[in-house]
Amino acid sequence: MAHLLFRPTFEIPFSEGALRILLEALIDINLMSIRAQAYPLLYESGVYYQAEEPGFERFLSIPSVIDQGYGDCEDLACWRIAELRHRGQYAVPYLILTRTDDRLRYHIAVSLSNNVIEDPSDRLS
């Protein structure tokens, strides 16, 4: 599958709603990737968690994470959610929002149907 190099540059006012839209878009892109080509399961892929620099954010799809060898919290959580949804399981992004020094920070994990929160970043650190 060919990679589409798409580097949109835009700024949006940060809101939980806007973040959820971006996360669902990445999950949908990952689902399309999984349907088009066989990828390893996240926890068997050999990728690891690495945070991005503060103030710098990229939303990476499964092929991009594999090529890079690592992803941050939303990259890994959206991959995991896509693979679970592909198998017919319920999974949604779980947002952890914190404010420090006038900055809003977020962390993304996975919420499962049994109210369990799975954190791929923690597992792959």
PDB file of N, CA and C in Angstrom:
ATOM      1  N   MET A   1       0.850  -1.174   0.000  1.00  0.00           N
ATOM      2  CA  MET A   1       0.000   0.000   0.000  1.00  0.00           C
ATOM      3  C   MET A   1       0.897   1.238   0.000  1.00  0.00           C
ATOM      4  N   ALA A   2       0.651   2.127  -0.896  1.00  0.00           N
ATOM      5  CA  ALA A   2       1.441   3.348  -0.987  1.00  0.00           C
ATOM      6  C   ALA A   2       1.068   4.293   0.153  1.00  0.00           C
ATOM      7  N   HIS A   3       2.041   5.020   0.617  1.00  0.00           N
ATOM      8  CA  HIS A   3       1.808   6.015   1.662  1.00  0.00           C
ATOM      9  C   HIS A   3       1.502   7.346   1.007  1.00  0.00           C
ATOM     10  N   LEU A   4       0.508   7.987   1.492  1.00  0.00           N
ATOM     11  CA  LEU A   4       0.178   9.332   1.040  1.00  0.00           C
ATOM     12  C   LEU A   4       0.829  10.302   2.007  1.00  0.00           C
ATOM     13  N   LEU A   5       1.691  11.128   1.494  1.00  0.00           N
ATOM     14  CA  LEU A   5       2.332  12.124   2.342  1.00  0.00           C
ATOM     15  C   LEU A   5       1.397  13.316   2.424  1.00  0.00           C
ATOM     16  N   PHE A   6       0.831  13.493   3.568  1.00  0.00           N
ATOM     17  CA  PHE A   6      -0.170  14.531   3.774  1.00  0.00           C
ATOM     18  C   PHE A   6       0.214  15.292   5.024  1.00  0.00           C
ATOM     19  N   ARG A   7       0.640  16.496   4.855  1.00  0.00           N
ATOM     20  CA  ARG A   7       1.081  17.305   5.985  1.00  0.00           C
ATOM     21  C   ARG A   7       0.261  18.582   6.055  1.00  0.00           C
ATOM     22  N   PRO A   8      -0.970  18.435   6.508  1.00  0.00           N
ATOM     23  CA  PRO A   8      -1.776  19.649   6.603  1.00  0.00           C
ATOM     24  C   PRO A   8      -1.234  20.545   7.710  1.00  0.00           C
ATOM     25  N   THR A   9      -1.273  21.798   7.466  1.00  0.00           N
ATOM     26  CA  THR A   9      -0.875  22.762   8.480  1.00  0.00           C
ATOM     27  C   THR A   9      -2.089  23.615   8.785  1.00  0.00           C
ATOM     28  N   PHE A  10      -2.581  23.452   9.968  1.00  0.00           N
ATOM     29  CA  PHE A  10      -3.726  24.241  10.377  1.00  0.00           C
ATOM     30  C   PHE A  10      -3.733  24.319  11.884  1.00  0.00           C
ATOM     31  N   GLU A  11      -4.349  25.321  12.377  1.00  0.00           N
ATOM     32  CA  GLU A  11      -4.498  25.471  13.815  1.00  0.00           C
ATOM     33  C   GLU A  11      -5.969  25.490  14.129  1.00  0.00           C
ATOM     34  N   ILE A  12      -6.326  24.764  15.174  1.00  0.00           N
ATOM     35  CA  ILE A  12      -7.710  24.767  15.629  1.00  0.00           C
ATOM     36  C   ILE A  12      -7.709  25.156  17.091  1.00  0.00           C
ATOM     37  N   PRO A  13      -8.727  25.842  17.538  1.00  0.00           N
ATOM     38  CA  PRO A  13      -8.813  26.111  18.966  1.00  0.00           C
ATOM     39  C   PRO A  13      -8.952  24.765  19.675  1.00  0.00           C
ATOM     40  N   PHE A  14      -8.139  24.551  20.683  1.00  0.00           N
ATOM     41  CA  PHE A  14      -8.194  23.262  21.359  1.00  0.00           C
ATOM     42  C   PHE A  14      -9.500  23.133  22.129  1.00  0.00           C
ATOM     43  N   SER A  15     -10.159  22.037  21.888  1.00  0.00           N
ATOM     44  CA  SER A  15     -11.334  21.691  22.668  1.00  0.00           C
ATOM     45  C   SER A  15     -11.411  20.175  22.688  1.00  0.00           C
ATOM     46  N   GLU A  16     -12.093  19.652  23.678  1.00  0.00           N
ATOM     47  CA  GLU A  16     -12.258  18.207  23.746  1.00  0.00           C
ATOM     48  C   GLU A  16     -12.993  17.700  22.512  1.00  0.00           C
ATOM     49  N   GLY A  17     -13.993  18.458  22.051  1.00  0.00           N
ATOM     50  CA  GLY A  17     -14.752  18.054  20.875  1.00  0.00           C
ATOM     51  C   GLY A  17     -13.886  17.966  19.628  1.00  0.00           C
ATOM     52  N   ALA A  18     -13.036  18.977  19.417  1.00  0.00           N
ATOM     53  CA  ALA A  18     -12.146  18.970  18.258  1.00  0.00           C
ATOM     54  C   ALA A  18     -11.165  17.801  18.341  1.00  0.00           C
ATOM     55  N   LEU A  19     -10.648  17.544  19.517  1.00  0.00           N
ATOM     56  CA  LEU A  19      -9.714  16.432  19.698  1.00  0.00           C
ATOM     57  C   LEU A  19     -10.399  15.107  19.388  1.00  0.00           C
ATOM     58  N   ARG A  20     -11.613  14.928  19.841  1.00  0.00           N
ATOM     59  CA  ARG A  20     -12.347  13.684  19.564  1.00  0.00           C
ATOM     60  C   ARG A  20     -12.565  13.483  18.061  1.00  0.00           C
ATOM     61  N   ILE A  21     -12.845  14.561  17.338  1.00  0.00           N
ATOM     62  CA  ILE A  21     -13.017  14.464  15.885  1.00  0.00           C
ATOM     63  C   ILE A  21     -11.718  13.990  15.229  1.00  0.00           C
ATOM     64  N   LEU A  22     -10.586  14.568  15.632  1.00  0.00           N
ATOM     65  CA  LEU A  22      -9.299  14.173  15.075  1.00  0.00           C
ATOM     66  C   LEU A  22      -8.959  12.718  15.415  1.00  0.00           C
ATOM     67  N   LEU A  23      -9.261  12.305  16.631  1.00  0.00           N
ATOM     68  CA  LEU A  23      -8.989  10.919  17.028  1.00  0.00           C
ATOM     69  C   LEU A  23      -9.829   9.944  16.211  1.00  0.00           C
ATOM     70  N   GLU A  24     -11.115  10.237  16.040  1.00  0.00           N
ATOM     71  CA  GLU A  24     -11.977   9.344  15.258  1.00  0.00           C
ATOM     72  C   GLU A  24     -11.521   9.294  13.801  1.00  0.00           C
ATOM     73  N   ALA A  25     -11.033  10.411  13.267  1.00  0.00           N
ATOM     74  CA  ALA A  25     -10.519  10.412  11.897  1.00  0.00           C
ATOM     75  C   ALA A  25      -9.305   9.489  11.781  1.00  0.00           C
ATOM     76  N   LEU A  26      -8.395   9.548  12.754  1.00  0.00           N
ATOM     77  CA  LEU A  26      -7.219   8.675  12.735  1.00  0.00           C
ATOM     78  C   LEU A  26      -7.629   7.217  12.901  1.00  0.00           C
ATOM     79  N   ILE A  27      -8.595   6.942  13.744  1.00  0.00           N
ATOM     80  CA  ILE A  27      -9.089   5.567  13.897  1.00  0.00           C
ATOM     81  C   ILE A  27      -9.651   5.065  12.570  1.00  0.00           C
ATOM     82  N   ASP A  28     -10.432   5.892  11.880  1.00  0.00           N
ATOM     83  CA  ASP A  28     -11.002   5.497  10.584  1.00  0.00           C
ATOM     84  C   ASP A  28      -9.905   5.241   9.553  1.00  0.00           C
ATOM     85  N   ILE A  29      -8.880   6.099   9.515  1.00  0.00           N
ATOM     86  CA  ILE A  29      -7.757   5.892   8.605  1.00  0.00           C
ATOM     87  C   ILE A  29      -7.066   4.575   8.920  1.00  0.00           C
ATOM     88  N   ASN A  30      -6.874   4.289  10.203  1.00  0.00           N
ATOM     89  CA  ASN A  30      -6.242   3.026  10.599  1.00  0.00           C
ATOM     90  C   ASN A  30      -7.102   1.826  10.221  1.00  0.00           C
ATOM     91  N   LEU A  31      -8.422   1.942  10.368  1.00  0.00           N
ATOM     92  CA  LEU A  31      -9.310   0.849   9.949  1.00  0.00           C
ATOM     93  C   LEU A  31      -9.185   0.599   8.453  1.00  0.00           C
ATOM     94  N   MET A  32      -9.123   1.650   7.662  1.00  0.00           N
ATOM     95  CA  MET A  32      -8.942   1.482   6.216  1.00  0.00           C
ATOM     96  C   MET A  32      -7.611   0.789   5.921  1.00  0.00           C
ATOM     97  N   SER A  33      -6.565   1.146   6.655  1.00  0.00           N
ATOM     98  CA  SER A  33      -5.259   0.506   6.463  1.00  0.00           C
ATOM     99  C   SER A  33      -5.322  -0.974   6.801  1.00  0.00           C
ATOM    100  N   ILE A  34      -5.959  -1.301   7.911  1.00  0.00           N
ATOM    101  CA  ILE A  34      -6.067  -2.702   8.343  1.00  0.00           C
ATOM    102  C   ILE A  34      -6.855  -3.521   7.325  1.00  0.00           C
ATOM    103  N   ARG A  35      -7.908  -2.940   6.762  1.00  0.00           N
ATOM    104  CA  ARG A  35      -8.723  -3.654   5.772  1.00  0.00           C
ATOM    105  C   ARG A  35      -7.986  -3.841   4.455  1.00  0.00           C
ATOM    106  N   ALA A  36      -7.060  -2.933   4.148  1.00  0.00           N
ATOM    107  CA  ALA A  36      -6.343  -2.975   2.875  1.00  0.00           C
ATOM    108  C   ALA A  36      -5.098  -3.862   2.914  1.00  0.00           C
ATOM    109  N   GLN A  37      -4.540  -4.030   4.087  1.00  0.00           N
ATOM    110  CA  GLN A  37      -3.265  -4.737   4.189  1.00  0.00           C
ATOM    111  C   GLN A  37      -3.133  -5.344   5.582  1.00  0.00           C
ATOM    112  N   ALA A  38      -2.465  -6.489   5.649  1.00  0.00           N
ATOM    113  CA  ALA A  38      -2.239  -7.127   6.943  1.00  0.00           C
ATOM    114  C   ALA A  38      -1.108  -6.414   7.681  1.00  0.00           C
ATOM    115  N   TYR A  39      -1.408  -5.936   8.869  1.00  0.00           N
ATOM    116  CA  TYR A  39      -0.406  -5.329   9.735  1.00  0.00           C
ATOM    117  C   TYR A  39      -0.316  -6.156  11.003  1.00  0.00           C
ATOM    118  N   PRO A  40       0.832  -6.135  11.664  1.00  0.00           N
ATOM    119  CA  PRO A  40       0.909  -6.849  12.941  1.00  0.00           C
ATOM    120  C   PRO A  40       0.008  -6.166  13.971  1.00  0.00           C
ATOM    121  N   LEU A  41      -0.376  -6.924  14.972  1.00  0.00           N
ATOM    122  CA  LEU A  41      -1.105  -6.331  16.086  1.00  0.00           C
ATOM    123  C   LEU A  41      -0.170  -5.360  16.802  1.00  0.00           C
ATOM    124  N   LEU A  42      -0.727  -4.331  17.382  1.00  0.00           N
ATOM    125  CA  LEU A  42       0.080  -3.295  18.015  1.00  0.00           C
ATOM    126  C   LEU A  42       1.116  -3.878  18.969  1.00  0.00           C
ATOM    127  N   TYR A  43       0.657  -4.753  19.881  1.00  0.00           N
ATOM    128  CA  TYR A  43       1.566  -5.247  20.916  1.00  0.00           C
ATOM    129  C   TYR A  43       2.563  -6.281  20.398  1.00  0.00           C
ATOM    130  N   GLU A  44       2.410  -6.701  19.138  1.00  0.00           N
ATOM    131  CA  GLU A  44       3.352  -7.635  18.519  1.00  0.00           C
ATOM    132  C   GLU A  44       4.197  -6.962  17.448  1.00  0.00           C
ATOM    133  N   SER A  45       4.019  -5.659  17.270  1.00  0.00           N
ATOM    134  CA  SER A  45       4.639  -4.937  16.157  1.00  0.00           C
ATOM    135  C   SER A  45       6.086  -4.533  16.394  1.00  0.00           C
ATOM    136  N   GLY A  46       6.506  -4.456  17.643  1.00  0.00           N
ATOM    137  CA  GLY A  46       7.857  -4.007  17.951  1.00  0.00           C
ATOM    138  C   GLY A  46       7.997  -2.503  18.092  1.00  0.00           C
ATOM    139  N   VAL A  47       6.895  -1.756  17.916  1.00  0.00           N
ATOM    140  CA  VAL A  47       6.970  -0.307  18.102  1.00  0.00           C
ATOM    141  C   VAL A  47       6.966   0.014  19.594  1.00  0.00           C
ATOM    142  N   TYR A  48       7.396   1.207  19.920  1.00  0.00           N
ATOM    143  CA  TYR A  48       7.411   1.609  21.319  1.00  0.00           C
ATOM    144  C   TYR A  48       6.831   3.013  21.458  1.00  0.00           C
ATOM    145  N   TYR A  49       6.571   3.392  22.696  1.00  0.00           N
ATOM    146  CA  TYR A  49       6.017   4.713  22.994  1.00  0.00           C
ATOM    147  C   TYR A  49       7.135   5.730  23.143  1.00  0.00           C
ATOM    148  N   GLN A  50       6.937   6.885  22.506  1.00  0.00           N
ATOM    149  CA  GLN A  50       7.823   8.022  22.718  1.00  0.00           C
ATOM    150  C   GLN A  50       6.983   9.285  22.601  1.00  0.00           C
ATOM    151  N   ALA A  51       7.028  10.104  23.621  1.00  0.00           N
ATOM    152  CA  ALA A  51       6.277  11.364  23.612  1.00  0.00           C
ATOM    153  C   ALA A  51       6.887  12.318  22.589  1.00  0.00           C
ATOM    154  N   GLU A  52       6.026  13.171  22.027  1.00  0.00           N
ATOM    155  CA  GLU A  52       6.505  14.211  21.130  1.00  0.00           C
ATOM    156  C   GLU A  52       6.929  15.418  21.955  1.00  0.00           C
ATOM    157  N   GLU A  53       7.694  16.274  21.310  1.00  0.00           N
ATOM    158  CA  GLU A  53       8.130  17.502  21.981  1.00  0.00           C
ATOM    159  C   GLU A  53       6.905  18.344  22.330  1.00  0.00           C
ATOM    160  N   PRO A  54       6.920  19.005  23.482  1.00  0.00           N
ATOM    161  CA  PRO A  54       5.796  19.879  23.822  1.00  0.00           C
ATOM    162  C   PRO A  54       5.560  20.926  22.738  1.00  0.00           C
ATOM    163  N   GLY A  55       4.312  21.122  22.388  1.00  0.00           N
ATOM    164  CA  GLY A  55       3.947  22.090  21.376  1.00  0.00           C
ATOM    165  C   GLY A  55       4.021  21.572  19.952  1.00  0.00           C
ATOM    166  N   PHE A  56       4.443  20.319  19.773  1.00  0.00           N
ATOM    167  CA  PHE A  56       4.567  19.718  18.451  1.00  0.00           C
ATOM    168  C   PHE A  56       3.705  18.466  18.434  1.00  0.00           C
ATOM    169  N   GLU A  57       2.750  18.393  17.514  1.00  0.00           N
ATOM    170  CA  GLU A  57       1.837  17.256  17.507  1.00  0.00           C
ATOM    171  C   GLU A  57       1.609  16.757  16.100  1.00  0.00           C
ATOM    172  N   ARG A  58       1.780  15.451  15.914  1.00  0.00           N
ATOM    173  CA  ARG A  58       1.463  14.785  14.649  1.00  0.00           C
ATOM    174  C   ARG A  58       0.565  13.600  14.963  1.00  0.00           C
ATOM    175  N   PHE A  59      -0.407  13.376  14.145  1.00  0.00           N
ATOM    176  CA  PHE A  59      -1.290  12.222  14.273  1.00  0.00           C
ATOM    177  C   PHE A  59      -0.854  11.222  13.207  1.00  0.00           C
ATOM    178  N   LEU A  60      -0.229  10.119  13.621  1.00  0.00           N
ATOM    179  CA  LEU A  60       0.372   9.166  12.694  1.00  0.00           C
ATOM    180  C   LEU A  60      -0.482   7.906  12.545  1.00  0.00           C
ATOM    181  N   SER A  61      -0.629   7.471  11.303  1.00  0.00           N
ATOM    182  CA  SER A  61      -1.354   6.237  11.007  1.00  0.00           C
ATOM    183  C   SER A  61      -0.453   5.028  11.249  1.00  0.00           C
ATOM    184  N   ILE A  62      -1.048   3.848  11.193  1.00  0.00           N
ATOM    185  CA  ILE A  62      -0.299   2.608  11.449  1.00  0.00           C
ATOM    186  C   ILE A  62       0.952   2.505  10.579  1.00  0.00           C
ATOM    187  N   PRO A  63       0.862   2.673   9.246  1.00  0.00           N
ATOM    188  CA  PRO A  63       2.088   2.543   8.451  1.00  0.00           C
ATOM    189  C   PRO A  63       3.175   3.537   8.856  1.00  0.00           C
ATOM    190  N   SER A  64       2.777   4.745   9.204  1.00  0.00           N
ATOM    191  CA  SER A  64       3.764   5.757   9.609  1.00  0.00           C
ATOM    192  C   SER A  64       4.411   5.408  10.942  1.00  0.00           C
ATOM    193  N   VAL A  65       3.635   4.878  11.884  1.00  0.00           N
ATOM    194  CA  VAL A  65       4.198   4.463  13.176  1.00  0.00           C
ATOM    195  C   VAL A  65       5.178   3.317  12.965  1.00  0.00           C
ATOM    196  N   ILE A  66       4.802   2.355  12.127  1.00  0.00           N
ATOM    197  CA  ILE A  66       5.702   1.224  11.855  1.00  0.00           C
ATOM    198  C   ILE A  66       6.987   1.728  11.206  1.00  0.00           C
ATOM    199  N   ASP A  67       6.867   2.603  10.204  1.00  0.00           N
ATOM    200  CA  ASP A  67       8.062   3.136   9.538  1.00  0.00           C
ATOM    201  C   ASP A  67       8.964   3.883  10.510  1.00  0.00           C
ATOM    202  N   GLN A  68       8.369   4.647  11.423  1.00  0.00           N
ATOM    203  CA  GLN A  68       9.125   5.445  12.390  1.00  0.00           C
ATOM    204  C   GLN A  68       9.659   4.583  13.530  1.00  0.00           C
ATOM    205  N   GLY A  69       8.924   3.513  13.872  1.00  0.00           N
ATOM    206  CA  GLY A  69       9.344   2.620  14.952  1.00  0.00           C
ATOM    207  C   GLY A  69       8.769   2.977  16.302  1.00  0.00           C
ATOM    208  N   TYR A  70       8.063   4.095  16.381  1.00  0.00           N
ATOM    209  CA  TYR A  70       7.463   4.518  17.646  1.00  0.00           C
ATOM    210  C   TYR A  70       6.307   5.464  17.368  1.00  0.00           C
ATOM    211  N   GLY A  71       5.502   5.675  18.397  1.00  0.00           N
ATOM    212  CA  GLY A  71       4.398   6.618  18.319  1.00  0.00           C
ATOM    213  C   GLY A  71       4.122   7.196  19.680  1.00  0.00           C
ATOM    214  N   ASP A  72       3.360   8.269  19.701  1.00  0.00           N
ATOM    215  CA  ASP A  72       2.971   8.826  20.994  1.00  0.00           C
ATOM    216  C   ASP A  72       1.585   8.309  21.362  1.00  0.00           C
ATOM    217  N   CYS A  73       1.000   8.880  22.394  1.00  0.00           N
ATOM    218  CA  CYS A  73      -0.202   8.293  22.987  1.00  0.00           C
ATOM    219  C   CYS A  73      -1.362   8.166  22.016  1.00  0.00           C
ATOM    220  N   GLU A  74      -1.653   9.219  21.225  1.00  0.00           N
ATOM    221  CA  GLU A  74      -2.814   9.108  20.335  1.00  0.00           C
ATOM    222  C   GLU A  74      -2.531   8.180  19.164  1.00  0.00           C
ATOM    223  N   ASP A  75      -1.295   8.120  18.701  1.00  0.00           N
ATOM    224  CA  ASP A  75      -0.949   7.206  17.612  1.00  0.00           C
ATOM    225  C   ASP A  75      -1.195   5.758  18.040  1.00  0.00           C
ATOM    226  N   LEU A  76      -0.694   5.409  19.214  1.00  0.00           N
ATOM    227  CA  LEU A  76      -0.803   4.032  19.704  1.00  0.00           C
ATOM    228  C   LEU A  76      -2.236   3.686  20.099  1.00  0.00           C
ATOM    229  N   ALA A  77      -2.921   4.607  20.769  1.00  0.00           N
ATOM    230  CA  ALA A  77      -4.304   4.343  21.189  1.00  0.00           C
ATOM    231  C   ALA A  77      -5.220   4.183  19.973  1.00  0.00           C
ATOM    232  N   CYS A  78      -5.041   5.016  18.965  1.00  0.00           N
ATOM    233  CA  CYS A  78      -5.896   4.928  17.774  1.00  0.00           C
ATOM    234  C   CYS A  78      -5.614   3.655  16.983  1.00  0.00           C
ATOM    235  N   TRP A  79      -4.377   3.201  16.967  1.00  0.00           N
ATOM    236  CA  TRP A  79      -4.047   1.912  16.333  1.00  0.00           C
ATOM    237  C   TRP A  79      -4.768   0.804  17.087  1.00  0.00           C
ATOM    238  N   ARG A  80      -4.643   0.798  18.408  1.00  0.00           N
ATOM    239  CA  ARG A  80      -5.266  -0.259  19.222  1.00  0.00           C
ATOM    240  C   ARG A  80      -6.789  -0.259  19.070  1.00  0.00           C
ATOM    241  N   ILE A  81      -7.399   0.917  19.083  1.00  0.00           N
ATOM    242  CA  ILE A  81      -8.853   1.012  18.927  1.00  0.00           C
ATOM    243  C   ILE A  81      -9.265   0.469  17.567  1.00  0.00           C
ATOM    244  N   ALA A  82      -8.531   0.810  16.521  1.00  0.00           N
ATOM    245  CA  ALA A  82      -8.858   0.326  15.177  1.00  0.00           C
ATOM    246  C   ALA A  82      -8.784  -1.193  15.105  1.00  0.00           C
ATOM    247  N   GLU A  83      -7.750  -1.785  15.694  1.00  0.00           N
ATOM    248  CA  GLU A  83      -7.653  -3.244  15.622  1.00  0.00           C
ATOM    249  C   GLU A  83      -8.752  -3.915  16.435  1.00  0.00           C
ATOM    250  N   LEU A  84      -9.126  -3.332  17.560  1.00  0.00           N
ATOM    251  CA  LEU A  84     -10.233  -3.899  18.340  1.00  0.00           C
ATOM    252  C   LEU A  84     -11.562  -3.757  17.598  1.00  0.00           C
ATOM    253  N   ARG A  85     -11.824  -2.593  17.035  1.00  0.00           N
ATOM    254  CA  ARG A  85     -13.060  -2.393  16.271  1.00  0.00           C
ATOM    255  C   ARG A  85     -13.102  -3.314  15.055  1.00  0.00           C
ATOM    256  N   HIS A  86     -11.964  -3.536  14.425  1.00  0.00           N
ATOM    257  CA  HIS A  86     -11.895  -4.432  13.270  1.00  0.00           C
ATOM    258  C   HIS A  86     -12.342  -5.846  13.651  1.00  0.00           C
ATOM    259  N   ARG A  87     -12.079  -6.229  14.893  1.00  0.00           N
ATOM    260  CA  ARG A  87     -12.498  -7.552  15.397  1.00  0.00           C
ATOM    261  C   ARG A  87     -13.902  -7.520  15.993  1.00  0.00           C
ATOM    262  N   GLY A  88     -14.581  -6.380  15.869  1.00  0.00           N
ATOM    263  CA  GLY A  88     -15.958  -6.274  16.347  1.00  0.00           C
ATOM    264  C   GLY A  88     -16.094  -5.944  17.818  1.00  0.00           C
ATOM    265  N   GLN A  89     -15.013  -5.526  18.460  1.00  0.00           N
ATOM    266  CA  GLN A  89     -15.048  -5.195  19.876  1.00  0.00           C
ATOM    267  C   GLN A  89     -15.272  -3.698  20.069  1.00  0.00           C
ATOM    268  N   TYR A  90     -15.885  -3.345  21.171  1.00  0.00           N
ATOM    269  CA  TYR A  90     -16.126  -1.950  21.521  1.00  0.00           C
ATOM    270  C   TYR A  90     -14.843  -1.360  22.087  1.00  0.00           C
ATOM    271  N   ALA A  91     -14.441  -0.218  21.546  1.00  0.00           N
ATOM    272  CA  ALA A  91     -13.283   0.513  22.073  1.00  0.00           C
ATOM    273  C   ALA A  91     -13.411   1.958  21.621  1.00  0.00           C
ATOM    274  N   VAL A  92     -13.160   2.876  22.540  1.00  0.00           N
ATOM    275  CA  VAL A  92     -13.225   4.309  22.242  1.00  0.00           C
ATOM    276  C   VAL A  92     -12.042   5.007  22.916  1.00  0.00           C
ATOM    277  N   PRO A  93     -11.685   6.185  22.406  1.00  0.00           N
ATOM    278  CA  PRO A  93     -10.610   6.944  23.058  1.00  0.00           C
ATOM    279  C   PRO A  93     -11.021   7.366  24.469  1.00  0.00           C
ATOM    280  N   TYR A  94     -10.068   7.296  25.381  1.00  0.00           N
ATOM    281  CA  TYR A  94     -10.247   7.756  26.749  1.00  0.00           C
ATOM    282  C   TYR A  94      -9.296   8.924  26.937  1.00  0.00           C
ATOM    283  N   LEU A  95      -9.869  10.107  27.137  1.00  0.00           N
ATOM    284  CA  LEU A  95      -9.070  11.323  27.251  1.00  0.00           C
ATOM    285  C   LEU A  95      -8.784  11.653  28.710  1.00  0.00           C
ATOM    286  N   ILE A  96      -7.537  11.945  28.980  1.00  0.00           N
ATOM    287  CA  ILE A  96      -7.111  12.410  30.295  1.00  0.00           C
ATOM    288  C   ILE A  96      -6.568  13.821  30.074  1.00  0.00           C
ATOM    289  N   LEU A  97      -7.307  14.810  30.544  1.00  0.00           N
ATOM    290  CA  LEU A  97      -6.923  16.211  30.348  1.00  0.00           C
ATOM    291  C   LEU A  97      -6.410  16.784  31.656  1.00  0.00           C
ATOM    292  N   THR A  98      -5.271  17.462  31.595  1.00  0.00           N
ATOM    293  CA  THR A  98      -4.710  18.116  32.777  1.00  0.00           C
ATOM    294  C   THR A  98      -4.238  19.512  32.385  1.00  0.00           C
ATOM    295  N   ARG A  99      -4.310  20.429  33.310  1.00  0.00           N
ATOM    296  CA  ARG A  99      -3.833  21.788  33.062  1.00  0.00           C
ATOM    297  C   ARG A  99      -2.639  22.041  33.993  1.00  0.00           C
ATOM    298  N   THR A 100      -1.523  22.457  33.382  1.00  0.00           N
ATOM    299  CA  THR A 100      -0.328  22.809  34.143  1.00  0.00           C
ATOM    300  C   THR A 100       0.254  24.085  33.561  1.00  0.00           C
ATOM    301  N   ASP A 101       0.575  25.030  34.408  1.00  0.00           N
ATOM    302  CA  ASP A 101       1.218  26.274  33.969  1.00  0.00           C
ATOM    303  C   ASP A 101       0.512  26.900  32.771  1.00  0.00           C
ATOM    304  N   ASP A 102      -0.784  27.025  32.868  1.00  0.00           N
ATOM    305  CA  ASP A 102      -1.591  27.619  31.798  1.00  0.00           C
ATOM    306  C   ASP A 102      -1.533  26.838  30.482  1.00  0.00           C
ATOM    307  N   ARG A 103      -1.124  25.598  30.540  1.00  0.00           N
ATOM    308  CA  ARG A 103      -1.122  24.732  29.354  1.00  0.00           C
ATOM    309  C   ARG A 103      -2.064  23.583  29.604  1.00  0.00           C
ATOM    310  N   LEU A 104      -2.827  23.248  28.591  1.00  0.00           N
ATOM    311  CA  LEU A 104      -3.703  22.094  28.661  1.00  0.00           C
ATOM    312  C   LEU A 104      -2.976  20.934  27.996  1.00  0.00           C
ATOM    313  N   ARG A 105      -2.817  19.879  28.733  1.00  0.00           N
ATOM    314  CA  ARG A 105      -2.144  18.689  28.212  1.00  0.00           C
ATOM    315  C   ARG A 105      -3.161  17.561  28.162  1.00  0.00           C
ATOM    316  N   TYR A 106      -2.931  16.662  27.231  1.00  0.00           N
ATOM    317  CA  TYR A 106      -3.823  15.516  27.155  1.00  0.00           C
ATOM    318  C   TYR A 106      -3.023  14.233  27.014  1.00  0.00           C
ATOM    319  N   HIS A 107      -3.649  13.158  27.422  1.00  0.00           N
ATOM    320  CA  HIS A 107      -3.119  11.810  27.236  1.00  0.00           C
ATOM    321  C   HIS A 107      -4.281  10.967  26.754  1.00  0.00           C
ATOM    322  N   ILE A 108      -4.026  10.105  25.793  1.00  0.00           N
ATOM    323  CA  ILE A 108      -5.073   9.275  25.214  1.00  0.00           C
ATOM    324  C   ILE A 108      -4.787   7.817  25.543  1.00  0.00           C
ATOM    325  N   ALA A 109      -5.807   7.159  26.057  1.00  0.00           N
ATOM    326  CA  ALA A 109      -5.762   5.724  26.309  1.00  0.00           C
ATOM    327  C   ALA A 109      -6.991   5.110  25.620  1.00  0.00           C
ATOM    328  N   VAL A 110      -7.304   3.870  25.960  1.00  0.00           N
ATOM    329  CA  VAL A 110      -8.398   3.138  25.318  1.00  0.00           C
ATOM    330  C   VAL A 110      -9.394   2.702  26.379  1.00  0.00           C
ATOM    331  N   SER A 111     -10.665   3.008  26.144  1.00  0.00           N
ATOM    332  CA  SER A 111     -11.735   2.564  27.032  1.00  0.00           C
ATOM    333  C   SER A 111     -12.425   1.375  26.382  1.00  0.00           C
ATOM    334  N   LEU A 112     -12.514   0.278  27.132  1.00  0.00           N
ATOM    335  CA  LEU A 112     -13.124  -0.954  26.634  1.00  0.00           C
ATOM    336  C   LEU A 112     -14.538  -1.109  27.198  1.00  0.00           C
ATOM    337  N   SER A 113     -15.288  -2.033  26.642  1.00  0.00           N
ATOM    338  CA  SER A 113     -16.702  -2.189  27.011  1.00  0.00           C
ATOM    339  C   SER A 113     -16.904  -2.564  28.473  1.00  0.00           C
ATOM    340  N   ASN A 114     -15.939  -3.183  29.093  1.00  0.00           N
ATOM    341  CA  ASN A 114     -16.072  -3.615  30.485  1.00  0.00           C
ATOM    342  C   ASN A 114     -15.572  -2.548  31.463  1.00  0.00           C
ATOM    343  N   ASN A 115     -15.508  -1.303  31.000  1.00  0.00           N
ATOM    344  CA  ASN A 115     -15.042  -0.160  31.792  1.00  0.00           C
ATOM    345  C   ASN A 115     -13.580  -0.249  32.196  1.00  0.00           C
ATOM    346  N   VAL A 116     -12.829  -1.075  31.508  1.00  0.00           N
ATOM    347  CA  VAL A 116     -11.393  -1.161  31.726  1.00  0.00           C
ATOM    348  C   VAL A 116     -10.721  -0.117  30.842  1.00  0.00           C
ATOM    349  N   ILE A 117      -9.733   0.557  31.393  1.00  0.00           N
ATOM    350  CA  ILE A 117      -8.931   1.516  30.636  1.00  0.00           C
ATOM    351  C   ILE A 117      -7.590   0.859  30.338  1.00  0.00           C
ATOM    352  N   GLU A 118      -7.287   0.766  29.060  1.00  0.00           N
ATOM    353  CA  GLU A 118      -6.034   0.173  28.602  1.00  0.00           C
ATOM    354  C   GLU A 118      -5.148   1.305  28.104  1.00  0.00           C
ATOM    355  N   ASP A 119      -3.908   1.331  28.522  1.00  0.00           N
ATOM    356  CA  ASP A 119      -3.000   2.398  28.114  1.00  0.00           C
ATOM    357  C   ASP A 119      -1.838   1.828  27.291  1.00  0.00           C
ATOM    358  N   PRO A 120      -1.956   1.852  25.959  1.00  0.00           N
ATOM    359  CA  PRO A 120      -0.878   1.331  25.139  1.00  0.00           C
ATOM    360  C   PRO A 120       0.458   2.030  25.366  1.00  0.00           C
ATOM    361  N   SER A 121       0.427   3.328  25.684  1.00  0.00           N
ATOM    362  CA  SER A 121       1.674   4.055  25.934  1.00  0.00           C
ATOM    363  C   SER A 121       2.428   3.455  27.117  1.00  0.00           C
ATOM    364  N   ASP A 122       1.688   3.132  28.162  1.00  0.00           N
ATOM    365  CA  ASP A 122       2.295   2.543  29.346  1.00  0.00           C
ATOM    366  C   ASP A 122       2.856   1.155  29.024  1.00  0.00           C
ATOM    367  N   ARG A 123       2.087   0.377  28.277  1.00  0.00           N
ATOM    368  CA  ARG A 123       2.510  -0.979  27.935  1.00  0.00           C
ATOM    369  C   ARG A 123       3.731  -0.993  27.029  1.00  0.00           C
ATOM    370  N   LEU A 124       3.863   0.013  26.184  1.00  0.00           N
ATOM    371  CA  LEU A 124       4.940   0.022  25.199  1.00  0.00           C
ATOM    372  C   LEU A 124       6.074   0.979  25.576  1.00  0.00           C
ATOM    373  N   SER A 125       6.138   1.400  26.838  1.00  0.00           N
ATOM    374  CA  SER A 125       7.230   2.285  27.294  1.00  0.00           C
ATOM    375  C   SER A 125       8.485   1.489  27.557  1.00  0.00           C
TER     376      SER A 125
END
